Every structure is written in structure tokens, then in C-alpha cells.
Amino acid sequence: MTPRELEFLYDLIERVSEEVYRLGYEDAKAGKPLKTEGFRPSKASRLVIKTNLIKLTQKR
């Protein structure tokens, strides 16, 4: 992977981690039970992610 692709990947992992932590913290404060289903992205979401990854990492 190029440095640009790696930086994008690290940024993506950081953003997802922060969002998941925030949602989990809010649910815990509200006393909601742990949800374990629904974490897999749909085929449409996967296509959007793939398309955006290709756009952001293509060399121009």
C-alpha cells in the first residue's frame, strides 16, 4: 500500500473506533443492553465503501 492509502486506512479505523466507543458509552449510560447483531454492512454499503476507497486512493 502507498503511504496515502495507509493514512486513509488509519484515519478510517480511528473514526470508526471513536464512533463505536461513543455509541457504546451512550448506550451504557442509558442502561441499554449490548447489541451484537447488525454489524455487517449491507451489499450497498460495501459498494459505497469500496467506491470511496478507490476514489480516495487512486493516483492522479
C-alpha atoms as a PDB file:
ATOM      1  CA  MET A   1       0.000   0.000   0.000  1.00  0.00           C
ATOM      2  CA  THR A   2       1.096   3.521  -0.661  1.00  0.00           C
ATOM      3  CA  PRO A   3       1.582   5.969   2.224  1.00  0.00           C
ATOM      4  CA  ARG A   4      -1.584   7.769   1.130  1.00  0.00           C
ATOM      5  CA  GLU A   5      -3.614   4.549   1.252  1.00  0.00           C
ATOM      6  CA  LEU A   6      -2.210   3.653   4.660  1.00  0.00           C
ATOM      7  CA  GLU A   7      -3.013   7.095   6.041  1.00  0.00           C
ATOM      8  CA  PHE A   8      -6.580   6.776   4.744  1.00  0.00           C
ATOM      9  CA  LEU A   9      -6.909   3.339   6.357  1.00  0.00           C
ATOM     10  CA  TYR A  10      -5.582   4.580   9.710  1.00  0.00           C
ATOM     11  CA  ASP A  11      -7.951   7.551   9.624  1.00  0.00           C
ATOM     12  CA  LEU A  12     -10.888   5.287   8.826  1.00  0.00           C
ATOM     13  CA  ILE A  13     -10.063   2.904  11.678  1.00  0.00           C
ATOM     14  CA  GLU A  14      -9.700   5.817  14.099  1.00  0.00           C
ATOM     15  CA  ARG A  15     -13.029   7.365  13.118  1.00  0.00           C
ATOM     16  CA  VAL A  16     -14.908   4.070  13.326  1.00  0.00           C
ATOM     17  CA  SER A  17     -13.345   3.277  16.709  1.00  0.00           C
ATOM     18  CA  GLU A  18     -14.324   6.662  18.120  1.00  0.00           C
ATOM     19  CA  GLU A  19     -17.891   6.356  16.856  1.00  0.00           C
ATOM     20  CA  VAL A  20     -18.354   2.832  18.198  1.00  0.00           C
ATOM     21  CA  TYR A  21     -16.924   3.850  21.580  1.00  0.00           C
ATOM     22  CA  ARG A  22     -19.227   6.878  21.735  1.00  0.00           C
ATOM     23  CA  LEU A  23     -22.310   4.845  20.881  1.00  0.00           C
ATOM     24  CA  GLY A  24     -21.394   2.136  23.378  1.00  0.00           C
ATOM     25  CA  TYR A  25     -20.793   4.688  26.114  1.00  0.00           C
ATOM     26  CA  GLU A  26     -24.137   6.388  25.479  1.00  0.00           C
ATOM     27  CA  ASP A  27     -25.957   3.039  25.487  1.00  0.00           C
ATOM     28  CA  ALA A  28     -24.253   2.005  28.735  1.00  0.00           C
ATOM     29  CA  LYS A  29     -25.231   5.277  30.416  1.00  0.00           C
ATOM     30  CA  ALA A  30     -28.822   4.747  29.293  1.00  0.00           C
ATOM     31  CA  GLY A  31     -28.806   1.162  30.625  1.00  0.00           C
ATOM     32  CA  LYS A  32     -29.397  -0.376  27.207  1.00  0.00           C
ATOM     33  CA  PRO A  33     -28.343  -3.991  26.632  1.00  0.00           C
ATOM     34  CA  LEU A  34     -25.389  -4.896  24.429  1.00  0.00           C
ATOM     35  CA  LYS A  35     -26.377  -5.335  20.779  1.00  0.00           C
ATOM     36  CA  THR A  36     -24.414  -7.919  18.839  1.00  0.00           C
ATOM     37  CA  GLU A  37     -26.393  -8.130  15.619  1.00  0.00           C
ATOM     38  CA  GLY A  38     -26.401  -5.757  12.708  1.00  0.00           C
ATOM     39  CA  PHE A  39     -22.672  -5.080  12.477  1.00  0.00           C
ATOM     40  CA  ARG A  40     -22.172  -6.424   8.951  1.00  0.00           C
ATOM     41  CA  PRO A  41     -22.557  -3.803   6.253  1.00  0.00           C
ATOM     42  CA  SER A  42     -25.092  -4.457   3.521  1.00  0.00           C
ATOM     43  CA  LYS A  43     -24.037  -5.085  -0.076  1.00  0.00           C
ATOM     44  CA  ALA A  44     -24.976  -1.490  -0.918  1.00  0.00           C
ATOM     45  CA  SER A  45     -22.861  -0.136   1.939  1.00  0.00           C
ATOM     46  CA  ARG A  46     -19.941  -2.303   0.897  1.00  0.00           C
ATOM     47  CA  LEU A  47     -20.158  -0.934  -2.633  1.00  0.00           C
ATOM     48  CA  VAL A  48     -20.191   2.653  -1.352  1.00  0.00           C
ATOM     49  CA  ILE A  49     -17.155   1.952   0.853  1.00  0.00           C
ATOM     50  CA  LYS A  50     -15.301   0.262  -1.994  1.00  0.00           C
ATOM     51  CA  THR A  51     -16.086   3.098  -4.414  1.00  0.00           C
ATOM     52  CA  ASN A  52     -14.983   5.779  -1.948  1.00  0.00           C
ATOM     53  CA  LEU A  53     -11.800   3.883  -1.094  1.00  0.00           C
ATOM     54  CA  ILE A  54     -10.920   3.597  -4.768  1.00  0.00           C
ATOM     55  CA  LYS A  55     -11.610   7.314  -5.360  1.00  0.00           C
ATOM     56  CA  LEU A  56      -9.539   8.418  -2.371  1.00  0.00           C
ATOM     57  CA  THR A  57      -6.571   6.177  -3.047  1.00  0.00           C
ATOM     58  CA  GLN A  58      -6.254   6.426  -6.815  1.00  0.00           C
ATOM     59  CA  LYS A  59      -3.162   8.164  -8.015  1.00  0.00           C
ATOM     60  CA  ARG A  60      -3.879  11.069 -10.277  1.00  0.00           C
END
